[in-house]
Amino acid sequence: MRFALALLLAAVLAGCSQDEPPAIRDSETSGLEREIQGFSLSETQDGKHLWDLHAETAWRIPNDDRIHLDNLTLTFYDTHQAPDSRLTAMHGTVDEKSGMMTARDRVVLISEAGDTLNTEELTYDKDRDRIAGPGYVRLAKPDQVVTGREFDAKPDLTDYEIRHDVNITVVDRDRLLNAGH
C-alpha cells in the first residue's frame, strides 16, 4: 500500500512539473544569451531623433548579431522631430552590426496622414531611410487602394513604388458621402 501511494505521488508530481514552464530561462539549456522584457531602442543621427523601437520581449542567441523581437512598435520621426509614422508587427529583428530592421507577421505601418500599409514582411534600411518588402502589400490612401508585390517606400509613405501585380482601386469619396443621403 505504501509503495502504491509513493508511486501515485511520484506520478502526480512528475505530471505537474511537465505542465509548468520554468520561471527562469537558463542560457545553457534555452540557447539564449539574454532575454529582456520591455525592450526599447532609439536611433539618432546628427542630434536628430530618427526612430524609437519598443518590444514586449527581446532576446539574443549566441553567435547571432541580431536582436529578436516579439510584439514590436516602431515610431519614425520627421526632420522636425515629430512622429511621422508608426509600425507594428508580431515579430522582428535588428541587426546590431548593420542596423537593418526586419518586421514580420501582421505588419502594419500607419503614417501621420492616415495612409496604411499592410504586409507580412518588410525591412527598414536606415542608410537609405526606406522600407522594402518582397511580398504582397496593400496601401490604403484616402482616394485609392494600391495592392501588389515587392515594394519600396519612405517610412512616411509619401514616396512609394510597387513593382509587380499592381492593382489600383480609386475611391470616389464624394459618391460614398452622398450615398448616405
C-alpha atoms as a PDB file:
ATOM      1  CA  MET A   1       0.000   0.000   0.000  1.00  0.00           C
ATOM      2  CA  ARG A   2       2.747   2.424   0.978  1.00  0.00           C
ATOM      3  CA  PHE A   3       4.634   1.574  -2.246  1.00  0.00           C
ATOM      4  CA  ALA A   4       1.492   2.227  -4.355  1.00  0.00           C
ATOM      5  CA  LEU A   5       0.968   5.644  -2.668  1.00  0.00           C
ATOM      6  CA  ALA A   6       4.597   6.556  -3.305  1.00  0.00           C
ATOM      7  CA  LEU A   7       4.238   5.629  -6.998  1.00  0.00           C
ATOM      8  CA  LEU A   8       0.997   7.630  -7.270  1.00  0.00           C
ATOM      9  CA  LEU A   9       2.598  10.670  -5.594  1.00  0.00           C
ATOM     10  CA  ALA A  10       5.652  10.421  -7.881  1.00  0.00           C
ATOM     11  CA  ALA A  11       3.396  10.219 -10.972  1.00  0.00           C
ATOM     12  CA  VAL A  12       1.355  13.263  -9.858  1.00  0.00           C
ATOM     13  CA  LEU A  13       4.482  15.310  -9.135  1.00  0.00           C
ATOM     14  CA  ALA A  14       6.051  14.323 -12.453  1.00  0.00           C
ATOM     15  CA  GLY A  15       2.854  15.333 -14.272  1.00  0.00           C
ATOM     16  CA  CYS A  16       2.790  18.744 -12.567  1.00  0.00           C
ATOM     17  CA  SER A  17       6.390  19.517 -13.306  1.00  0.00           C
ATOM     18  CA  GLN A  18       5.944  18.803 -17.024  1.00  0.00           C
ATOM     19  CA  ASP A  19       2.975  21.198 -17.315  1.00  0.00           C
ATOM     20  CA  GLU A  20       4.643  24.174 -15.653  1.00  0.00           C
ATOM     21  CA  PRO A  21       7.200  26.167 -17.659  1.00  0.00           C
ATOM     22  CA  PRO A  22      10.409  27.134 -15.904  1.00  0.00           C
ATOM     23  CA  ALA A  23      10.256  30.524 -14.207  1.00  0.00           C
ATOM     24  CA  ILE A  24      13.785  31.483 -15.263  1.00  0.00           C
ATOM     25  CA  ARG A  25      15.390  30.760 -18.612  1.00  0.00           C
ATOM     26  CA  ASP A  26      18.810  29.253 -18.161  1.00  0.00           C
ATOM     27  CA  SER A  27      21.095  30.296 -21.022  1.00  0.00           C
ATOM     28  CA  GLU A  28      22.786  26.898 -21.005  1.00  0.00           C
ATOM     29  CA  THR A  29      19.532  24.988 -21.548  1.00  0.00           C
ATOM     30  CA  SER A  30      17.493  27.505 -23.586  1.00  0.00           C
ATOM     31  CA  GLY A  31      20.229  28.530 -26.025  1.00  0.00           C
ATOM     32  CA  LEU A  32      19.552  32.209 -25.288  1.00  0.00           C
ATOM     33  CA  GLU A  33      22.315  34.637 -24.478  1.00  0.00           C
ATOM     34  CA  ARG A  34      19.844  37.001 -22.776  1.00  0.00           C
ATOM     35  CA  GLU A  35      16.151  37.855 -22.746  1.00  0.00           C
ATOM     36  CA  ILE A  36      14.708  41.283 -21.969  1.00  0.00           C
ATOM     37  CA  GLN A  37      11.091  42.122 -21.145  1.00  0.00           C
ATOM     38  CA  GLY A  38      10.006  45.665 -22.086  1.00  0.00           C
ATOM     39  CA  PHE A  39      12.851  46.330 -24.558  1.00  0.00           C
ATOM     40  CA  SER A  40      13.457  49.846 -26.006  1.00  0.00           C
ATOM     41  CA  LEU A  41      15.961  51.138 -28.549  1.00  0.00           C
ATOM     42  CA  SER A  42      16.333  54.576 -30.182  1.00  0.00           C
ATOM     43  CA  GLU A  43      18.340  55.907 -33.120  1.00  0.00           C
ATOM     44  CA  THR A  44      19.627  59.442 -33.549  1.00  0.00           C
ATOM     45  CA  GLN A  45      21.782  60.969 -36.263  1.00  0.00           C
ATOM     46  CA  ASP A  46      23.492  64.351 -36.031  1.00  0.00           C
ATOM     47  CA  GLY A  47      21.459  65.039 -32.881  1.00  0.00           C
ATOM     48  CA  LYS A  48      18.134  64.306 -34.607  1.00  0.00           C
ATOM     49  CA  HIS A  49      15.762  61.617 -33.404  1.00  0.00           C
ATOM     50  CA  LEU A  50      15.151  59.094 -36.224  1.00  0.00           C
ATOM     51  CA  TRP A  51      13.088  56.354 -34.582  1.00  0.00           C
ATOM     52  CA  ASP A  52      12.061  54.632 -31.337  1.00  0.00           C
ATOM     53  CA  LEU A  53      11.620  50.880 -31.109  1.00  0.00           C
ATOM     54  CA  HIS A  54       9.714  49.119 -28.323  1.00  0.00           C
ATOM     55  CA  ALA A  55       9.169  45.379 -27.997  1.00  0.00           C
ATOM     56  CA  GLU A  56       7.352  43.295 -25.427  1.00  0.00           C
ATOM     57  CA  THR A  57      10.237  40.789 -25.477  1.00  0.00           C
ATOM     58  CA  ALA A  58      13.722  40.843 -27.000  1.00  0.00           C
ATOM     59  CA  TRP A  59      16.385  38.147 -26.954  1.00  0.00           C
ATOM     60  CA  ARG A  60      19.796  37.276 -28.344  1.00  0.00           C
ATOM     61  CA  ILE A  61      21.195  33.941 -29.395  1.00  0.00           C
ATOM     62  CA  PRO A  62      24.959  33.364 -29.067  1.00  0.00           C
ATOM     63  CA  ASN A  63      26.910  33.934 -32.308  1.00  0.00           C
ATOM     64  CA  ASP A  64      23.968  35.818 -33.871  1.00  0.00           C
ATOM     65  CA  ASP A  65      24.292  39.596 -34.433  1.00  0.00           C
ATOM     66  CA  ARG A  66      20.528  40.051 -34.410  1.00  0.00           C
ATOM     67  CA  ILE A  67      18.233  41.054 -31.575  1.00  0.00           C
ATOM     68  CA  HIS A  68      14.990  39.069 -31.949  1.00  0.00           C
ATOM     69  CA  LEU A  69      11.758  40.886 -31.052  1.00  0.00           C
ATOM     70  CA  ASP A  70       8.162  39.984 -30.201  1.00  0.00           C
ATOM     71  CA  ASN A  71       5.192  42.391 -30.341  1.00  0.00           C
ATOM     72  CA  LEU A  72       7.092  45.400 -31.589  1.00  0.00           C
ATOM     73  CA  THR A  73       6.205  49.026 -32.234  1.00  0.00           C
ATOM     74  CA  LEU A  74       8.482  51.312 -34.224  1.00  0.00           C
ATOM     75  CA  THR A  75       7.844  55.067 -34.399  1.00  0.00           C
ATOM     76  CA  PHE A  76       9.586  57.063 -37.148  1.00  0.00           C
ATOM     77  CA  TYR A  77      10.206  60.820 -36.785  1.00  0.00           C
ATOM     78  CA  ASP A  78      10.354  63.574 -39.419  1.00  0.00           C
ATOM     79  CA  THR A  79      13.037  66.265 -39.724  1.00  0.00           C
ATOM     80  CA  HIS A  80      11.166  68.421 -37.174  1.00  0.00           C
ATOM     81  CA  GLN A  81      11.263  65.588 -34.609  1.00  0.00           C
ATOM     82  CA  ALA A  82       7.505  64.982 -34.856  1.00  0.00           C
ATOM     83  CA  PRO A  83       6.151  61.412 -35.218  1.00  0.00           C
ATOM     84  CA  ASP A  84       5.925  60.561 -38.916  1.00  0.00           C
ATOM     85  CA  SER A  85       4.567  57.021 -38.937  1.00  0.00           C
ATOM     86  CA  ARG A  86       4.084  54.046 -36.638  1.00  0.00           C
ATOM     87  CA  LEU A  87       4.802  50.414 -37.461  1.00  0.00           C
ATOM     88  CA  THR A  88       3.538  47.395 -35.522  1.00  0.00           C
ATOM     89  CA  ALA A  89       4.356  43.718 -36.057  1.00  0.00           C
ATOM     90  CA  MET A  90       4.226  40.427 -34.217  1.00  0.00           C
ATOM     91  CA  HIS A  91       7.940  39.633 -34.722  1.00  0.00           C
ATOM     92  CA  GLY A  92      11.121  41.251 -35.938  1.00  0.00           C
ATOM     93  CA  THR A  93      14.881  41.528 -35.761  1.00  0.00           C
ATOM     94  CA  VAL A  94      17.501  44.262 -35.520  1.00  0.00           C
ATOM     95  CA  ASP A  95      20.960  43.530 -36.896  1.00  0.00           C
ATOM     96  CA  GLU A  96      23.342  45.152 -34.416  1.00  0.00           C
ATOM     97  CA  LYS A  97      26.153  45.487 -36.980  1.00  0.00           C
ATOM     98  CA  SER A  98      24.261  46.915 -39.955  1.00  0.00           C
ATOM     99  CA  GLY A  99      21.304  48.494 -38.157  1.00  0.00           C
ATOM    100  CA  MET A 100      18.888  46.819 -40.593  1.00  0.00           C
ATOM    101  CA  MET A 101      15.484  46.080 -39.076  1.00  0.00           C
ATOM    102  CA  THR A 102      13.045  43.448 -40.286  1.00  0.00           C
ATOM    103  CA  ALA A 103       9.400  43.228 -39.192  1.00  0.00           C
ATOM    104  CA  ARG A 104       7.341  40.076 -39.805  1.00  0.00           C
ATOM    105  CA  ASP A 105       3.821  38.775 -39.263  1.00  0.00           C
ATOM    106  CA  ARG A 106       0.873  41.166 -39.410  1.00  0.00           C
ATOM    107  CA  VAL A 107       2.980  44.211 -40.252  1.00  0.00           C
ATOM    108  CA  VAL A 108       1.010  47.478 -40.256  1.00  0.00           C
ATOM    109  CA  LEU A 109       2.520  50.913 -40.937  1.00  0.00           C
ATOM    110  CA  ILE A 110       0.284  53.955 -40.463  1.00  0.00           C
ATOM    111  CA  SER A 111       1.514  57.404 -41.488  1.00  0.00           C
ATOM    112  CA  GLU A 112       0.524  60.597 -39.697  1.00  0.00           C
ATOM    113  CA  ALA A 113      -1.541  61.423 -42.813  1.00  0.00           C
ATOM    114  CA  GLY A 114      -3.549  58.224 -42.214  1.00  0.00           C
ATOM    115  CA  ASP A 115      -2.153  56.157 -45.088  1.00  0.00           C
ATOM    116  CA  THR A 116      -1.994  52.488 -44.066  1.00  0.00           C
ATOM    117  CA  LEU A 117       0.365  49.824 -45.387  1.00  0.00           C
ATOM    118  CA  ASN A 118      -0.283  46.129 -44.625  1.00  0.00           C
ATOM    119  CA  THR A 119       2.160  43.332 -45.422  1.00  0.00           C
ATOM    120  CA  GLU A 120       3.696  40.233 -43.874  1.00  0.00           C
ATOM    121  CA  GLU A 121       7.348  41.315 -44.014  1.00  0.00           C
ATOM    122  CA  LEU A 122       9.329  44.484 -44.513  1.00  0.00           C
ATOM    123  CA  THR A 123      12.870  45.671 -43.913  1.00  0.00           C
ATOM    124  CA  TYR A 124      13.957  49.152 -42.865  1.00  0.00           C
ATOM    125  CA  ASP A 125      17.294  50.331 -44.250  1.00  0.00           C
ATOM    126  CA  LYS A 126      18.460  53.266 -42.139  1.00  0.00           C
ATOM    127  CA  ASP A 127      21.176  54.267 -44.638  1.00  0.00           C
ATOM    128  CA  ARG A 128      18.544  54.754 -47.366  1.00  0.00           C
ATOM    129  CA  ASP A 129      15.748  55.700 -44.942  1.00  0.00           C
ATOM    130  CA  ARG A 130      13.475  53.308 -46.862  1.00  0.00           C
ATOM    131  CA  ILE A 131      11.252  50.338 -46.110  1.00  0.00           C
ATOM    132  CA  ALA A 132      11.000  47.467 -48.568  1.00  0.00           C
ATOM    133  CA  GLY A 133       9.357  44.082 -48.801  1.00  0.00           C
ATOM    134  CA  PRO A 134       9.359  41.117 -51.152  1.00  0.00           C
ATOM    135  CA  GLY A 135       5.761  40.013 -50.756  1.00  0.00           C
ATOM    136  CA  TYR A 136       2.170  41.163 -51.069  1.00  0.00           C
ATOM    137  CA  VAL A 137       1.404  44.707 -49.936  1.00  0.00           C
ATOM    138  CA  ARG A 138      -1.784  46.722 -49.541  1.00  0.00           C
ATOM    139  CA  LEU A 139      -1.506  50.513 -49.294  1.00  0.00           C
ATOM    140  CA  ALA A 140      -4.733  52.346 -48.438  1.00  0.00           C
ATOM    141  CA  LYS A 141      -4.827  56.109 -49.052  1.00  0.00           C
ATOM    142  CA  PRO A 142      -7.865  58.411 -48.789  1.00  0.00           C
ATOM    143  CA  ASP A 143      -8.511  58.317 -52.555  1.00  0.00           C
ATOM    144  CA  GLN A 144      -7.159  54.910 -53.580  1.00  0.00           C
ATOM    145  CA  VAL A 145      -6.124  51.429 -52.537  1.00  0.00           C
ATOM    146  CA  VAL A 146      -2.994  50.028 -54.176  1.00  0.00           C
ATOM    147  CA  THR A 147      -2.057  46.346 -53.962  1.00  0.00           C
ATOM    148  CA  GLY A 148       0.780  44.332 -55.442  1.00  0.00           C
ATOM    149  CA  ARG A 149       4.034  42.558 -54.709  1.00  0.00           C
ATOM    150  CA  GLU A 150       7.550  43.785 -53.968  1.00  0.00           C
ATOM    151  CA  PHE A 151       7.540  47.348 -52.672  1.00  0.00           C
ATOM    152  CA  ASP A 152       9.892  50.136 -51.649  1.00  0.00           C
ATOM    153  CA  ALA A 153       8.797  53.283 -49.780  1.00  0.00           C
ATOM    154  CA  LYS A 154       9.715  56.108 -47.446  1.00  0.00           C
ATOM    155  CA  PRO A 155       8.552  55.344 -43.898  1.00  0.00           C
ATOM    156  CA  ASP A 156       6.009  58.204 -44.088  1.00  0.00           C
ATOM    157  CA  LEU A 157       4.536  56.611 -47.281  1.00  0.00           C
ATOM    158  CA  THR A 158       4.844  59.866 -49.286  1.00  0.00           C
ATOM    159  CA  ASP A 159       7.084  58.179 -51.873  1.00  0.00           C
ATOM    160  CA  TYR A 160       6.491  54.539 -52.773  1.00  0.00           C
ATOM    161  CA  GLU A 161       6.893  52.016 -55.572  1.00  0.00           C
ATOM    162  CA  ILE A 162       5.112  48.687 -56.014  1.00  0.00           C
ATOM    163  CA  ARG A 163       6.849  46.630 -58.699  1.00  0.00           C
ATOM    164  CA  HIS A 164       4.656  43.610 -59.594  1.00  0.00           C
ATOM    165  CA  ASP A 165       0.983  42.695 -59.984  1.00  0.00           C
ATOM    166  CA  VAL A 166      -0.114  46.276 -59.256  1.00  0.00           C
ATOM    167  CA  ASN A 167      -3.845  46.875 -58.842  1.00  0.00           C
ATOM    168  CA  ILE A 168      -5.244  50.336 -58.103  1.00  0.00           C
ATOM    169  CA  THR A 169      -8.786  50.902 -56.900  1.00  0.00           C
ATOM    170  CA  VAL A 170      -9.866  54.551 -56.952  1.00  0.00           C
ATOM    171  CA  VAL A 171     -12.140  55.597 -54.129  1.00  0.00           C
ATOM    172  CA  ASP A 172     -14.787  58.172 -55.078  1.00  0.00           C
ATOM    173  CA  ARG A 173     -15.253  59.833 -51.699  1.00  0.00           C
ATOM    174  CA  ASP A 174     -17.992  62.213 -52.924  1.00  0.00           C
ATOM    175  CA  ARG A 175     -20.101  59.291 -54.146  1.00  0.00           C
ATOM    176  CA  LEU A 176     -19.562  57.469 -50.852  1.00  0.00           C
ATOM    177  CA  LEU A 177     -20.552  60.563 -48.827  1.00  0.00           C
ATOM    178  CA  ASN A 178     -23.642  61.238 -50.988  1.00  0.00           C
ATOM    179  CA  ALA A 179     -24.748  57.580 -50.905  1.00  0.00           C
ATOM    180  CA  GLY A 180     -25.843  58.034 -47.309  1.00  0.00           C
ATOM    181  CA  HIS A 181     -28.294  60.890 -48.168  1.00  0.00           C
END
